[in-house]
Amino acid sequence: DLFGEALIYASGGSSPYDLVSSGKSKALLIPYKIFSNMCSNNCSYHAQLIKNMLTILSDKIIMLNNKMSILNAETLKGRIAVYLLSLQKNSNAMIFNLPMNRQELAEFLNVKRPSLSRELSNMQKGNIIEVYRSSVKILDMDKLRELAD
């Protein structure tokens, strides 16, 4: 896993994070100056490293923006709707798989698992979605969009 990447180009000096490993680990520490200064040899490896880091940072910004839009929904049903619409858009299909289990999804949406299950069940009863295990089928896109607004 990658950590600390958001601090590479940030102003301020020290890291606000403490890291604790749950087991035996190895870490590769890359000095800040590798990212802040171009290599004097103008090597392609250094340029690729910086490009890769910028791609990682961009992907993380997009993911965090998506999460903020999900969590900004006023109701749990709204959060679920925004989340499902984002998955549908990414898959470009009306049937898709959830990338996480119910407990992980509940934690992602910042709710208790029973509340999540109850809302998913209500959305099924309302013929908005159909859920079977990790598979979701959108039955009423207009209603789902309405819930997301």
N, C-alpha and C. Protein backbone atom coordinates (compact mmCIF):
# COMPACT_ATOMS: atom_id res chain seq x y z
N ASP A 1 0.83 -1.19 0.00
CA ASP A 1 0.00 0.00 0.00
C ASP A 1 0.87 1.24 0.00
N LEU A 2 0.34 2.27 -0.57
CA LEU A 2 1.02 3.55 -0.63
C LEU A 2 0.47 4.46 0.46
N PHE A 3 1.34 5.17 1.15
CA PHE A 3 0.88 6.13 2.15
C PHE A 3 1.75 7.37 2.11
N GLY A 4 1.18 8.48 2.51
CA GLY A 4 1.92 9.73 2.56
C GLY A 4 2.02 10.46 1.24
N GLU A 5 1.40 9.92 0.19
CA GLU A 5 1.53 10.53 -1.13
C GLU A 5 0.92 11.93 -1.19
N ALA A 6 -0.09 12.19 -0.38
CA ALA A 6 -0.73 13.51 -0.39
C ALA A 6 0.18 14.59 0.18
N LEU A 7 1.23 14.19 0.89
CA LEU A 7 2.12 15.16 1.52
C LEU A 7 3.28 15.60 0.61
N ILE A 8 3.45 14.93 -0.51
CA ILE A 8 4.60 15.19 -1.37
C ILE A 8 4.68 16.65 -1.80
N TYR A 9 3.57 17.20 -2.26
CA TYR A 9 3.58 18.57 -2.75
C TYR A 9 2.85 19.53 -1.81
N ALA A 10 2.51 19.08 -0.61
CA ALA A 10 1.78 19.91 0.34
C ALA A 10 2.70 20.91 1.03
N SER A 11 2.13 22.07 1.37
CA SER A 11 2.90 23.02 2.17
C SER A 11 2.80 22.58 3.63
N GLY A 12 3.70 23.03 4.43
CA GLY A 12 3.74 22.57 5.82
C GLY A 12 4.85 21.54 5.92
N GLY A 13 5.36 21.34 7.06
CA GLY A 13 6.55 20.50 7.15
C GLY A 13 6.31 19.06 7.47
N SER A 14 5.79 18.79 8.61
CA SER A 14 5.76 17.41 9.08
C SER A 14 4.44 16.72 8.76
N SER A 15 4.46 15.44 8.86
CA SER A 15 3.29 14.62 8.60
C SER A 15 2.36 14.62 9.80
N PRO A 16 1.05 14.77 9.56
CA PRO A 16 0.10 14.70 10.66
C PRO A 16 -0.30 13.26 11.00
N TYR A 17 0.33 12.29 10.38
CA TYR A 17 -0.05 10.89 10.53
C TYR A 17 0.96 10.10 11.34
N ASP A 18 0.46 9.11 12.05
CA ASP A 18 1.28 8.08 12.67
C ASP A 18 0.89 6.77 12.02
N LEU A 19 1.85 5.95 11.69
CA LEU A 19 1.57 4.67 11.07
C LEU A 19 1.91 3.55 12.02
N VAL A 20 1.02 2.57 12.09
CA VAL A 20 1.22 1.40 12.93
C VAL A 20 0.94 0.18 12.06
N SER A 21 1.84 -0.76 12.06
CA SER A 21 1.68 -1.98 11.29
C SER A 21 0.99 -3.04 12.13
N SER A 22 0.13 -3.81 11.50
CA SER A 22 -0.55 -4.89 12.21
C SER A 22 0.29 -6.17 12.21
N GLY A 23 1.41 -6.14 11.55
CA GLY A 23 2.29 -7.30 11.50
C GLY A 23 3.65 -6.88 10.97
N LYS A 24 4.47 -7.87 10.71
CA LYS A 24 5.80 -7.58 10.19
C LYS A 24 5.67 -6.90 8.82
N SER A 25 6.38 -5.81 8.65
CA SER A 25 6.25 -5.01 7.43
C SER A 25 7.60 -4.48 6.98
N LYS A 26 7.64 -4.12 5.73
CA LYS A 26 8.79 -3.41 5.17
C LYS A 26 8.25 -2.15 4.52
N ALA A 27 9.01 -1.08 4.62
CA ALA A 27 8.60 0.18 4.01
C ALA A 27 9.74 0.72 3.17
N LEU A 28 9.39 1.24 2.03
CA LEU A 28 10.36 1.91 1.17
C LEU A 28 10.11 3.40 1.33
N LEU A 29 11.05 4.10 1.91
CA LEU A 29 10.93 5.54 2.11
C LEU A 29 11.62 6.25 0.95
N ILE A 30 10.88 7.12 0.30
CA ILE A 30 11.42 7.85 -0.84
C ILE A 30 11.55 9.31 -0.42
N PRO A 31 12.74 9.86 -0.48
CA PRO A 31 12.94 11.26 -0.06
C PRO A 31 12.12 12.23 -0.91
N TYR A 32 11.63 13.27 -0.27
CA TYR A 32 10.83 14.30 -0.91
C TYR A 32 11.53 14.90 -2.12
N LYS A 33 12.84 15.12 -2.02
CA LYS A 33 13.57 15.81 -3.10
C LYS A 33 13.53 15.06 -4.42
N ILE A 34 13.27 13.76 -4.38
CA ILE A 34 13.15 12.99 -5.63
C ILE A 34 11.97 13.50 -6.45
N PHE A 35 10.91 13.93 -5.76
CA PHE A 35 9.72 14.41 -6.45
C PHE A 35 9.76 15.92 -6.71
N SER A 36 10.54 16.64 -5.93
CA SER A 36 10.54 18.10 -6.07
C SER A 36 11.57 18.61 -7.06
N ASN A 37 12.58 17.84 -7.37
CA ASN A 37 13.63 18.27 -8.30
C ASN A 37 13.76 17.28 -9.44
N MET A 38 13.89 17.81 -10.64
CA MET A 38 14.12 16.93 -11.78
C MET A 38 15.55 16.40 -11.74
N CYS A 39 15.71 15.21 -12.20
CA CYS A 39 17.02 14.55 -12.24
C CYS A 39 17.96 15.34 -13.17
N SER A 40 19.18 15.54 -12.72
CA SER A 40 20.14 16.29 -13.53
C SER A 40 20.49 15.56 -14.83
N ASN A 41 20.30 14.25 -14.84
CA ASN A 41 20.56 13.46 -16.05
C ASN A 41 19.36 13.46 -16.99
N ASN A 42 18.26 14.07 -16.54
CA ASN A 42 17.03 14.12 -17.34
C ASN A 42 16.58 12.72 -17.77
N CYS A 43 16.67 11.78 -16.84
CA CYS A 43 16.36 10.38 -17.16
C CYS A 43 14.86 10.13 -17.25
N SER A 44 14.50 9.20 -18.10
CA SER A 44 13.08 8.89 -18.32
C SER A 44 12.47 8.21 -17.10
N TYR A 45 13.27 7.50 -16.30
CA TYR A 45 12.75 6.82 -15.12
C TYR A 45 12.23 7.82 -14.10
N HIS A 46 12.97 8.89 -13.91
CA HIS A 46 12.57 9.91 -12.95
C HIS A 46 11.30 10.61 -13.41
N ALA A 47 11.23 10.94 -14.69
CA ALA A 47 10.04 11.57 -15.25
C ALA A 47 8.83 10.64 -15.11
N GLN A 48 9.03 9.34 -15.34
CA GLN A 48 7.93 8.37 -15.21
C GLN A 48 7.48 8.24 -13.76
N LEU A 49 8.42 8.27 -12.82
CA LEU A 49 8.08 8.21 -11.40
C LEU A 49 7.20 9.39 -11.01
N ILE A 50 7.56 10.58 -11.44
CA ILE A 50 6.77 11.77 -11.13
C ILE A 50 5.40 11.69 -11.80
N LYS A 51 5.36 11.24 -13.05
CA LYS A 51 4.08 11.10 -13.75
C LYS A 51 3.18 10.09 -13.02
N ASN A 52 3.75 8.97 -12.60
CA ASN A 52 2.97 7.96 -11.87
C ASN A 52 2.42 8.53 -10.57
N MET A 53 3.23 9.31 -9.86
CA MET A 53 2.77 9.89 -8.60
C MET A 53 1.64 10.89 -8.84
N LEU A 54 1.75 11.69 -9.89
CA LEU A 54 0.68 12.63 -10.21
C LEU A 54 -0.60 11.90 -10.59
N THR A 55 -0.48 10.77 -11.28
CA THR A 55 -1.65 9.96 -11.61
C THR A 55 -2.30 9.42 -10.34
N ILE A 56 -1.49 8.92 -9.42
CA ILE A 56 -2.01 8.40 -8.14
C ILE A 56 -2.72 9.51 -7.38
N LEU A 57 -2.11 10.69 -7.32
CA LEU A 57 -2.72 11.82 -6.61
C LEU A 57 -4.03 12.24 -7.28
N SER A 58 -4.06 12.28 -8.60
CA SER A 58 -5.28 12.65 -9.32
C SER A 58 -6.40 11.65 -9.07
N ASP A 59 -6.07 10.36 -9.13
CA ASP A 59 -7.07 9.31 -8.86
C ASP A 59 -7.61 9.43 -7.44
N LYS A 60 -6.73 9.74 -6.49
CA LYS A 60 -7.16 9.87 -5.10
C LYS A 60 -8.07 11.08 -4.92
N ILE A 61 -7.76 12.18 -5.59
CA ILE A 61 -8.61 13.38 -5.52
C ILE A 61 -9.99 13.07 -6.07
N ILE A 62 -10.06 12.39 -7.20
CA ILE A 62 -11.34 12.03 -7.80
C ILE A 62 -12.13 11.12 -6.87
N MET A 63 -11.46 10.12 -6.29
CA MET A 63 -12.13 9.20 -5.36
C MET A 63 -12.67 9.95 -4.14
N LEU A 64 -11.87 10.87 -3.59
CA LEU A 64 -12.32 11.63 -2.42
C LEU A 64 -13.46 12.58 -2.77
N ASN A 65 -13.43 13.17 -3.95
CA ASN A 65 -14.55 14.02 -4.39
C ASN A 65 -15.82 13.20 -4.52
N ASN A 66 -15.71 11.99 -5.08
CA ASN A 66 -16.87 11.11 -5.19
C ASN A 66 -17.41 10.75 -3.81
N LYS A 67 -16.51 10.44 -2.89
CA LYS A 67 -16.94 10.08 -1.55
C LYS A 67 -17.63 11.25 -0.87
N MET A 68 -17.10 12.46 -1.07
CA MET A 68 -17.74 13.64 -0.48
C MET A 68 -19.14 13.84 -1.04
N SER A 69 -19.32 13.64 -2.33
CA SER A 69 -20.66 13.82 -2.91
C SER A 69 -21.62 12.76 -2.38
N ILE A 70 -21.12 11.57 -2.13
CA ILE A 70 -21.95 10.51 -1.55
C ILE A 70 -22.34 10.87 -0.12
N LEU A 71 -21.36 11.25 0.68
CA LEU A 71 -21.63 11.54 2.09
C LEU A 71 -22.40 12.84 2.30
N ASN A 72 -22.43 13.71 1.31
CA ASN A 72 -23.19 14.96 1.42
C ASN A 72 -24.68 14.77 1.22
N ALA A 73 -25.09 13.62 0.72
CA ALA A 73 -26.53 13.35 0.57
C ALA A 73 -27.18 13.39 1.95
N GLU A 74 -28.36 13.98 2.02
CA GLU A 74 -29.01 14.22 3.31
C GLU A 74 -29.51 12.95 3.99
N THR A 75 -29.91 11.96 3.21
CA THR A 75 -30.47 10.74 3.79
C THR A 75 -29.62 9.54 3.40
N LEU A 76 -29.79 8.47 4.13
CA LEU A 76 -29.08 7.23 3.79
C LEU A 76 -29.51 6.74 2.42
N LYS A 77 -30.80 6.83 2.14
CA LYS A 77 -31.29 6.41 0.82
C LYS A 77 -30.63 7.24 -0.28
N GLY A 78 -30.43 8.52 -0.01
CA GLY A 78 -29.75 9.39 -0.96
C GLY A 78 -28.30 9.00 -1.15
N ARG A 79 -27.61 8.66 -0.05
CA ARG A 79 -26.22 8.22 -0.15
C ARG A 79 -26.10 6.96 -0.99
N ILE A 80 -27.00 6.01 -0.70
CA ILE A 80 -27.00 4.76 -1.46
C ILE A 80 -27.24 5.05 -2.94
N ALA A 81 -28.20 5.92 -3.23
CA ALA A 81 -28.53 6.24 -4.62
C ALA A 81 -27.34 6.87 -5.33
N VAL A 82 -26.68 7.85 -4.70
CA VAL A 82 -25.51 8.49 -5.31
C VAL A 82 -24.42 7.46 -5.56
N TYR A 83 -24.20 6.59 -4.58
CA TYR A 83 -23.16 5.55 -4.71
C TYR A 83 -23.49 4.59 -5.85
N LEU A 84 -24.73 4.11 -5.91
CA LEU A 84 -25.11 3.17 -6.96
C LEU A 84 -25.04 3.83 -8.34
N LEU A 85 -25.43 5.09 -8.42
CA LEU A 85 -25.34 5.79 -9.70
C LEU A 85 -23.90 5.94 -10.16
N SER A 86 -22.99 6.16 -9.21
CA SER A 86 -21.57 6.26 -9.60
C SER A 86 -21.04 4.92 -10.09
N LEU A 87 -21.46 3.83 -9.44
CA LEU A 87 -21.05 2.49 -9.90
C LEU A 87 -21.64 2.19 -11.28
N GLN A 88 -22.90 2.57 -11.47
CA GLN A 88 -23.55 2.34 -12.75
C GLN A 88 -22.84 3.11 -13.86
N LYS A 89 -22.48 4.35 -13.57
CA LYS A 89 -21.79 5.18 -14.56
C LYS A 89 -20.44 4.57 -14.92
N ASN A 90 -19.70 4.10 -13.91
CA ASN A 90 -18.39 3.50 -14.16
C ASN A 90 -18.49 2.20 -14.95
N SER A 91 -19.53 1.41 -14.67
CA SER A 91 -19.68 0.12 -15.36
C SER A 91 -20.41 0.26 -16.69
N ASN A 92 -21.15 1.37 -16.84
CA ASN A 92 -21.95 1.60 -18.03
C ASN A 92 -22.94 0.45 -18.28
N ALA A 93 -23.48 -0.07 -17.17
CA ALA A 93 -24.43 -1.18 -17.25
C ALA A 93 -25.48 -1.03 -16.16
N MET A 94 -26.63 -1.62 -16.38
CA MET A 94 -27.70 -1.56 -15.38
C MET A 94 -27.55 -2.66 -14.33
N ILE A 95 -26.71 -3.63 -14.60
CA ILE A 95 -26.40 -4.69 -13.64
C ILE A 95 -24.89 -4.65 -13.39
N PHE A 96 -24.50 -4.59 -12.13
CA PHE A 96 -23.09 -4.50 -11.77
C PHE A 96 -22.89 -5.10 -10.39
N ASN A 97 -21.65 -5.34 -10.03
CA ASN A 97 -21.32 -5.91 -8.72
C ASN A 97 -20.82 -4.82 -7.79
N LEU A 98 -21.21 -4.93 -6.53
CA LEU A 98 -20.68 -4.05 -5.51
C LEU A 98 -19.23 -4.45 -5.25
N PRO A 99 -18.31 -3.49 -5.17
CA PRO A 99 -16.90 -3.83 -4.97
C PRO A 99 -16.54 -4.13 -3.52
N MET A 100 -17.53 -4.08 -2.63
CA MET A 100 -17.27 -4.36 -1.21
C MET A 100 -18.46 -5.08 -0.61
N ASN A 101 -18.22 -5.74 0.51
CA ASN A 101 -19.33 -6.44 1.17
C ASN A 101 -20.19 -5.43 1.94
N ARG A 102 -21.29 -5.92 2.52
CA ARG A 102 -22.24 -5.02 3.20
C ARG A 102 -21.61 -4.26 4.36
N GLN A 103 -20.79 -4.94 5.14
CA GLN A 103 -20.15 -4.28 6.28
C GLN A 103 -19.22 -3.16 5.80
N GLU A 104 -18.44 -3.45 4.78
CA GLU A 104 -17.53 -2.43 4.24
C GLU A 104 -18.31 -1.26 3.63
N LEU A 105 -19.41 -1.57 2.96
CA LEU A 105 -20.24 -0.52 2.38
C LEU A 105 -20.87 0.33 3.47
N ALA A 106 -21.33 -0.30 4.54
CA ALA A 106 -21.90 0.45 5.66
C ALA A 106 -20.86 1.40 6.25
N GLU A 107 -19.64 0.91 6.42
CA GLU A 107 -18.56 1.76 6.94
C GLU A 107 -18.25 2.89 5.97
N PHE A 108 -18.23 2.59 4.68
CA PHE A 108 -17.97 3.61 3.66
C PHE A 108 -19.03 4.70 3.69
N LEU A 109 -20.29 4.30 3.89
CA LEU A 109 -21.41 5.25 3.92
C LEU A 109 -21.62 5.86 5.30
N ASN A 110 -20.81 5.41 6.27
CA ASN A 110 -20.86 5.94 7.64
C ASN A 110 -22.21 5.66 8.32
N VAL A 111 -22.68 4.41 8.18
CA VAL A 111 -23.93 3.99 8.82
C VAL A 111 -23.74 2.59 9.41
N LYS A 112 -24.68 2.18 10.21
CA LYS A 112 -24.68 0.82 10.75
C LYS A 112 -25.16 -0.14 9.67
N ARG A 113 -24.64 -1.36 9.72
CA ARG A 113 -25.00 -2.35 8.70
C ARG A 113 -26.50 -2.65 8.66
N PRO A 114 -27.19 -2.80 9.81
CA PRO A 114 -28.63 -3.06 9.74
C PRO A 114 -29.41 -1.93 9.04
N SER A 115 -28.98 -0.69 9.26
CA SER A 115 -29.64 0.45 8.60
C SER A 115 -29.45 0.37 7.09
N LEU A 116 -28.25 0.03 6.66
CA LEU A 116 -27.97 -0.13 5.24
C LEU A 116 -28.83 -1.23 4.65
N SER A 117 -28.87 -2.38 5.31
CA SER A 117 -29.67 -3.51 4.80
C SER A 117 -31.15 -3.15 4.73
N ARG A 118 -31.64 -2.43 5.72
CA ARG A 118 -33.04 -2.02 5.74
C ARG A 118 -33.35 -1.10 4.55
N GLU A 119 -32.48 -0.13 4.28
CA GLU A 119 -32.72 0.79 3.16
C GLU A 119 -32.62 0.08 1.82
N LEU A 120 -31.66 -0.83 1.68
CA LEU A 120 -31.56 -1.60 0.44
C LEU A 120 -32.83 -2.42 0.23
N SER A 121 -33.34 -3.00 1.31
CA SER A 121 -34.58 -3.77 1.24
C SER A 121 -35.75 -2.87 0.85
N ASN A 122 -35.83 -1.68 1.43
CA ASN A 122 -36.90 -0.74 1.08
C ASN A 122 -36.81 -0.32 -0.39
N MET A 123 -35.60 -0.14 -0.87
CA MET A 123 -35.42 0.24 -2.28
C MET A 123 -35.81 -0.91 -3.21
N GLN A 124 -35.62 -2.14 -2.74
CA GLN A 124 -36.07 -3.30 -3.53
C GLN A 124 -37.59 -3.37 -3.54
N LYS A 125 -38.20 -3.19 -2.36
CA LYS A 125 -39.67 -3.22 -2.27
C LYS A 125 -40.29 -2.12 -3.12
N GLY A 126 -39.59 -1.00 -3.26
CA GLY A 126 -40.08 0.10 -4.09
C GLY A 126 -39.77 -0.07 -5.57
N ASN A 127 -39.24 -1.24 -5.93
CA ASN A 127 -38.90 -1.56 -7.33
C ASN A 127 -37.93 -0.54 -7.95
N ILE A 128 -37.00 -0.08 -7.12
CA ILE A 128 -35.97 0.84 -7.61
C ILE A 128 -34.73 0.06 -8.02
N ILE A 129 -34.37 -0.90 -7.18
CA ILE A 129 -33.22 -1.76 -7.44
C ILE A 129 -33.57 -3.19 -7.09
N GLU A 130 -32.74 -4.10 -7.55
CA GLU A 130 -32.81 -5.50 -7.17
C GLU A 130 -31.40 -5.89 -6.73
N VAL A 131 -31.29 -6.46 -5.54
CA VAL A 131 -29.98 -6.84 -5.00
C VAL A 131 -29.97 -8.33 -4.73
N TYR A 132 -28.95 -9.00 -5.24
CA TYR A 132 -28.73 -10.40 -4.93
C TYR A 132 -27.25 -10.58 -4.64
N ARG A 133 -26.94 -10.86 -3.38
CA ARG A 133 -25.56 -10.93 -2.92
C ARG A 133 -24.83 -9.64 -3.26
N SER A 134 -23.81 -9.71 -4.11
CA SER A 134 -23.08 -8.47 -4.43
C SER A 134 -23.55 -7.86 -5.76
N SER A 135 -24.53 -8.48 -6.38
CA SER A 135 -25.02 -8.00 -7.67
C SER A 135 -26.19 -7.02 -7.47
N VAL A 136 -26.14 -5.91 -8.19
CA VAL A 136 -27.20 -4.90 -8.13
C VAL A 136 -27.73 -4.69 -9.54
N LYS A 137 -29.05 -4.64 -9.65
CA LYS A 137 -29.70 -4.34 -10.92
C LYS A 137 -30.56 -3.10 -10.69
N ILE A 138 -30.36 -2.09 -11.50
CA ILE A 138 -31.17 -0.88 -11.40
C ILE A 138 -32.44 -1.11 -12.20
N LEU A 139 -33.58 -0.99 -11.52
CA LEU A 139 -34.88 -1.21 -12.15
C LEU A 139 -35.52 0.11 -12.58
N ASP A 140 -35.32 1.16 -11.79
CA ASP A 140 -35.94 2.46 -12.08
C ASP A 140 -34.89 3.57 -11.94
N MET A 141 -34.24 3.86 -13.05
CA MET A 141 -33.16 4.86 -13.05
C MET A 141 -33.67 6.24 -12.65
N ASP A 142 -34.85 6.61 -13.13
CA ASP A 142 -35.39 7.94 -12.81
C ASP A 142 -35.62 8.09 -11.31
N LYS A 143 -36.17 7.08 -10.69
CA LYS A 143 -36.42 7.13 -9.24
C LYS A 143 -35.10 7.16 -8.47
N LEU A 144 -34.13 6.40 -8.94
CA LEU A 144 -32.82 6.39 -8.28
C LEU A 144 -32.18 7.78 -8.37
N ARG A 145 -32.27 8.41 -9.53
CA ARG A 145 -31.74 9.77 -9.70
C ARG A 145 -32.48 10.76 -8.80
N GLU A 146 -33.77 10.57 -8.68
CA GLU A 146 -34.58 11.44 -7.82
C GLU A 146 -34.13 11.33 -6.36
N LEU A 147 -33.85 10.11 -5.92
CA LEU A 147 -33.37 9.91 -4.55
C LEU A 147 -32.00 10.53 -4.34
N ALA A 148 -31.20 10.58 -5.39
CA ALA A 148 -29.84 11.12 -5.29
C ALA A 148 -29.84 12.65 -5.21
N ASP A 149 -30.90 13.28 -5.67
CA ASP A 149 -30.95 14.76 -5.66
C ASP A 149 -31.30 15.33 -4.31
